[in-house]
Amino acid sequence: MCGTGFTGIEFAAELATQLEELCLICGIDRQIPKVTCIGRSPHILPVFNENLVQTAESKLKALGVEILSSATIKEIKEGKVIVEKEGQKQEIYGNTIILLIVSQVQRQIQSL
């Protein structure tokens, strides 16, 4: 997942809670799929207070969701996302990449 705002986190949590059942239905080894959230802000849900953020992060991690904060997406290629974090480039591999840019659209609407 690319995006750690409300929509991205909500989708990641829903996907993570259904992953076991989806793997069973599709005949996929549960150890193979994983959910990773990539975001530019220092933490998920940047518009919420610290207590809510910590609660959400704890619940996501308990579901097996990996969170990569303070990371800028540099490029999206087939099967991978290239991010930069603290000056270092990193490749995150995946068969399905979901890109959420809702927050930028929301900001544009709010400024009208």
Foldseek 3Di string as FASTA:
>chain_A
DEAQADVLLVVLLVCLVCLVVVCVVVVHDSVPDAAEYEEQAQFGHVVDDPVVRVVSVVSSVVSRYHYHYNWAFDDDDQQWTWIAHPNDIDIDGDNDDDHDDVVVVVVVVVVD
